[in-house]
Amino acid sequence: MRSTDLFRFNRQLHQWRRGITGCGVILYANAVGRLLGTVLSGWLYQIHGLEACLWISSGLLLCAMLVSVKLKKLITSKLISLT
């Protein structure tokens, strides 16, 4: 085995590990977000009722939309790299 083959294998291994780590972070963030959303919406419903749940949900949806638009602009202007 030549040293270039070893270097290439090592580089691929690190890229694979980085991909697995990134995927784990995304899955963990998704799970935490779902848990917090379930707990907070249940608490909000019991304290303030359905109308408050719908208003807060609409506000959070608007925030998510604004963040998504801002991220898309940053990605298309190449300020953020996805790789």
N, C-alpha and C. Protein backbone atom coordinates (compact mmCIF):
# COMPACT_ATOMS: atom_id res chain seq x y z
N MET A 1 0.85 -1.18 0.00
CA MET A 1 0.00 0.00 0.00
C MET A 1 0.89 1.24 0.00
N ARG A 2 0.62 2.13 -0.92
CA ARG A 2 1.42 3.36 -1.00
C ARG A 2 0.92 4.38 0.01
N SER A 3 1.74 5.36 0.30
CA SER A 3 1.35 6.38 1.27
C SER A 3 0.19 7.23 0.76
N THR A 4 0.09 7.41 -0.55
CA THR A 4 -1.03 8.19 -1.09
C THR A 4 -2.35 7.46 -0.88
N ASP A 5 -2.32 6.12 -1.00
CA ASP A 5 -3.53 5.34 -0.74
C ASP A 5 -3.95 5.46 0.71
N LEU A 6 -2.99 5.42 1.60
CA LEU A 6 -3.28 5.55 3.02
C LEU A 6 -3.86 6.94 3.33
N PHE A 7 -3.27 7.97 2.72
CA PHE A 7 -3.76 9.32 2.92
C PHE A 7 -5.20 9.45 2.41
N ARG A 8 -5.48 8.87 1.23
CA ARG A 8 -6.81 8.94 0.65
C ARG A 8 -7.83 8.20 1.54
N PHE A 9 -7.45 7.04 2.05
CA PHE A 9 -8.32 6.28 2.94
C PHE A 9 -8.60 7.07 4.22
N ASN A 10 -7.58 7.68 4.79
CA ASN A 10 -7.72 8.46 6.02
C ASN A 10 -8.65 9.65 5.79
N ARG A 11 -8.51 10.31 4.66
CA ARG A 11 -9.37 11.45 4.34
C ARG A 11 -10.83 11.02 4.20
N GLN A 12 -11.07 9.89 3.53
CA GLN A 12 -12.44 9.38 3.36
C GLN A 12 -13.04 8.99 4.71
N LEU A 13 -12.22 8.41 5.58
CA LEU A 13 -12.69 8.02 6.90
C LEU A 13 -13.12 9.24 7.70
N HIS A 14 -12.34 10.31 7.64
CA HIS A 14 -12.69 11.53 8.37
C HIS A 14 -13.95 12.17 7.81
N GLN A 15 -14.11 12.15 6.49
CA GLN A 15 -15.33 12.71 5.89
C GLN A 15 -16.55 11.90 6.31
N TRP A 16 -16.40 10.58 6.36
CA TRP A 16 -17.51 9.72 6.78
C TRP A 16 -17.88 10.01 8.22
N ARG A 17 -16.89 10.14 9.09
CA ARG A 17 -17.17 10.44 10.51
C ARG A 17 -17.83 11.80 10.66
N ARG A 18 -17.38 12.79 9.89
CA ARG A 18 -17.97 14.12 9.96
C ARG A 18 -19.43 14.06 9.51
N GLY A 19 -19.72 13.27 8.48
CA GLY A 19 -21.09 13.11 8.02
C GLY A 19 -21.97 12.44 9.06
N ILE A 20 -21.44 11.43 9.71
CA ILE A 20 -22.20 10.74 10.76
C ILE A 20 -22.45 11.68 11.93
N THR A 21 -21.45 12.45 12.32
CA THR A 21 -21.61 13.39 13.42
C THR A 21 -22.65 14.45 13.08
N GLY A 22 -22.59 14.98 11.88
CA GLY A 22 -23.58 15.98 11.46
C GLY A 22 -24.98 15.42 11.46
N CYS A 23 -25.12 14.18 11.01
CA CYS A 23 -26.43 13.53 10.99
C CYS A 23 -26.94 13.33 12.41
N GLY A 24 -26.05 12.94 13.33
CA GLY A 24 -26.44 12.75 14.72
C GLY A 24 -26.92 14.03 15.36
N VAL A 25 -26.25 15.12 15.06
CA VAL A 25 -26.65 16.42 15.61
C VAL A 25 -28.02 16.81 15.09
N ILE A 26 -28.25 16.58 13.82
CA ILE A 26 -29.55 16.93 13.23
C ILE A 26 -30.66 16.09 13.85
N LEU A 27 -30.42 14.78 14.01
CA LEU A 27 -31.43 13.92 14.60
C LEU A 27 -31.69 14.29 16.06
N TYR A 28 -30.62 14.61 16.79
CA TYR A 28 -30.77 15.00 18.19
C TYR A 28 -31.56 16.30 18.31
N ALA A 29 -31.24 17.27 17.46
CA ALA A 29 -31.95 18.55 17.49
C ALA A 29 -33.42 18.36 17.15
N ASN A 30 -33.71 17.48 16.20
CA ASN A 30 -35.09 17.19 15.83
C ASN A 30 -35.84 16.58 17.01
N ALA A 31 -35.21 15.62 17.68
CA ALA A 31 -35.87 14.96 18.82
C ALA A 31 -36.11 15.94 19.97
N VAL A 32 -35.13 16.77 20.27
CA VAL A 32 -35.29 17.75 21.35
C VAL A 32 -36.37 18.76 20.99
N GLY A 33 -36.39 19.20 19.75
CA GLY A 33 -37.42 20.14 19.32
C GLY A 33 -38.82 19.57 19.43
N ARG A 34 -38.97 18.32 19.06
CA ARG A 34 -40.29 17.68 19.17
C ARG A 34 -40.70 17.54 20.63
N LEU A 35 -39.77 17.14 21.48
CA LEU A 35 -40.08 16.98 22.90
C LEU A 35 -40.48 18.31 23.53
N LEU A 36 -39.66 19.34 23.30
CA LEU A 36 -39.99 20.65 23.86
C LEU A 36 -41.30 21.20 23.32
N GLY A 37 -41.54 21.01 22.04
CA GLY A 37 -42.79 21.47 21.45
C GLY A 37 -43.99 20.78 22.05
N THR A 38 -43.88 19.48 22.29
CA THR A 38 -44.99 18.73 22.88
C THR A 38 -45.25 19.18 24.31
N VAL A 39 -44.18 19.29 25.09
CA VAL A 39 -44.34 19.68 26.50
C VAL A 39 -44.87 21.11 26.62
N LEU A 40 -44.27 22.03 25.87
CA LEU A 40 -44.70 23.43 25.97
C LEU A 40 -46.11 23.66 25.44
N SER A 41 -46.46 22.96 24.36
CA SER A 41 -47.82 23.15 23.85
C SER A 41 -48.85 22.57 24.81
N GLY A 42 -48.53 21.46 25.45
CA GLY A 42 -49.44 20.90 26.45
C GLY A 42 -49.61 21.83 27.63
N TRP A 43 -48.52 22.40 28.10
CA TRP A 43 -48.57 23.35 29.22
C TRP A 43 -49.37 24.59 28.83
N LEU A 44 -49.08 25.12 27.64
CA LEU A 44 -49.77 26.32 27.17
C LEU A 44 -51.26 26.06 27.01
N TYR A 45 -51.63 24.88 26.51
CA TYR A 45 -53.04 24.54 26.34
C TYR A 45 -53.75 24.47 27.70
N GLN A 46 -53.09 23.88 28.67
CA GLN A 46 -53.74 23.75 29.98
C GLN A 46 -53.87 25.10 30.69
N ILE A 47 -52.91 25.97 30.50
CA ILE A 47 -52.93 27.26 31.19
C ILE A 47 -53.81 28.28 30.45
N HIS A 48 -53.65 28.39 29.11
CA HIS A 48 -54.30 29.48 28.37
C HIS A 48 -55.32 29.02 27.32
N GLY A 49 -55.39 27.74 27.04
CA GLY A 49 -56.39 27.24 26.10
C GLY A 49 -55.90 27.11 24.67
N LEU A 50 -56.81 26.67 23.82
CA LEU A 50 -56.49 26.39 22.42
C LEU A 50 -56.12 27.64 21.63
N GLU A 51 -56.80 28.74 21.89
CA GLU A 51 -56.53 29.96 21.12
C GLU A 51 -55.09 30.42 21.30
N ALA A 52 -54.58 30.37 22.52
CA ALA A 52 -53.19 30.76 22.77
C ALA A 52 -52.22 29.82 22.05
N CYS A 53 -52.54 28.53 22.04
CA CYS A 53 -51.69 27.56 21.32
C CYS A 53 -51.60 27.90 19.84
N LEU A 54 -52.73 28.25 19.25
CA LEU A 54 -52.75 28.58 17.82
C LEU A 54 -52.00 29.88 17.53
N TRP A 55 -52.12 30.89 18.40
CA TRP A 55 -51.40 32.15 18.20
C TRP A 55 -49.89 31.95 18.33
N ILE A 56 -49.47 31.23 19.36
CA ILE A 56 -48.04 30.97 19.55
C ILE A 56 -47.49 30.13 18.40
N SER A 57 -48.25 29.13 17.98
CA SER A 57 -47.83 28.30 16.85
C SER A 57 -47.66 29.13 15.58
N SER A 58 -48.58 30.05 15.35
CA SER A 58 -48.48 30.92 14.17
C SER A 58 -47.25 31.81 14.25
N GLY A 59 -46.98 32.34 15.43
CA GLY A 59 -45.80 33.18 15.61
C GLY A 59 -44.50 32.41 15.39
N LEU A 60 -44.43 31.19 15.91
CA LEU A 60 -43.23 30.38 15.71
C LEU A 60 -43.06 29.96 14.25
N LEU A 61 -44.18 29.71 13.57
CA LEU A 61 -44.12 29.40 12.16
C LEU A 61 -43.59 30.58 11.35
N LEU A 62 -44.00 31.78 11.71
CA LEU A 62 -43.50 32.99 11.06
C LEU A 62 -42.00 33.15 11.31
N CYS A 63 -41.56 32.91 12.53
CA CYS A 63 -40.12 32.99 12.84
C CYS A 63 -39.32 31.99 12.03
N ALA A 64 -39.82 30.76 11.91
CA ALA A 64 -39.13 29.73 11.12
C ALA A 64 -39.05 30.13 9.65
N MET A 65 -40.12 30.74 9.14
CA MET A 65 -40.12 31.18 7.75
C MET A 65 -39.06 32.27 7.53
N LEU A 66 -38.99 33.23 8.45
CA LEU A 66 -38.01 34.32 8.31
C LEU A 66 -36.58 33.80 8.39
N VAL A 67 -36.32 32.87 9.29
CA VAL A 67 -34.98 32.28 9.39
C VAL A 67 -34.64 31.51 8.12
N SER A 68 -35.60 30.79 7.57
CA SER A 68 -35.36 30.02 6.34
C SER A 68 -35.03 30.94 5.17
N VAL A 69 -35.75 32.04 5.06
CA VAL A 69 -35.49 33.00 3.98
C VAL A 69 -34.10 33.60 4.14
N LYS A 70 -33.73 33.95 5.37
CA LYS A 70 -32.41 34.54 5.62
C LYS A 70 -31.30 33.53 5.31
N LEU A 71 -31.49 32.28 5.70
CA LEU A 71 -30.48 31.26 5.41
C LEU A 71 -30.34 31.03 3.91
N LYS A 72 -31.46 31.04 3.20
CA LYS A 72 -31.39 30.85 1.75
C LYS A 72 -30.59 31.98 1.10
N LYS A 73 -30.79 33.20 1.58
CA LYS A 73 -30.03 34.33 1.03
C LYS A 73 -28.55 34.18 1.33
N LEU A 74 -28.21 33.73 2.55
CA LEU A 74 -26.80 33.54 2.90
C LEU A 74 -26.16 32.43 2.09
N ILE A 75 -26.90 31.36 1.85
CA ILE A 75 -26.36 30.24 1.09
C ILE A 75 -26.16 30.63 -0.36
N THR A 76 -27.12 31.33 -0.94
CA THR A 76 -26.98 31.72 -2.36
C THR A 76 -25.90 32.77 -2.54
N SER A 77 -25.62 33.57 -1.52
CA SER A 77 -24.53 34.54 -1.64
C SER A 77 -23.20 33.95 -1.23
N LYS A 78 -23.18 32.65 -0.95
CA LYS A 78 -21.95 31.89 -0.63
C LYS A 78 -21.29 32.32 0.68
N LEU A 79 -22.06 32.94 1.59
CA LEU A 79 -21.50 33.26 2.90
C LEU A 79 -21.49 32.05 3.81
N ILE A 80 -22.37 31.09 3.52
CA ILE A 80 -22.41 29.84 4.29
C ILE A 80 -22.23 28.70 3.32
N SER A 81 -21.37 27.76 3.67
CA SER A 81 -21.15 26.59 2.84
C SER A 81 -21.84 25.39 3.47
N LEU A 82 -22.51 24.60 2.66
CA LEU A 82 -23.19 23.42 3.17
C LEU A 82 -22.28 22.21 3.23
N THR A 83 -21.08 22.32 2.73
CA THR A 83 -20.16 21.18 2.76
C THR A 83 -19.04 21.40 3.74
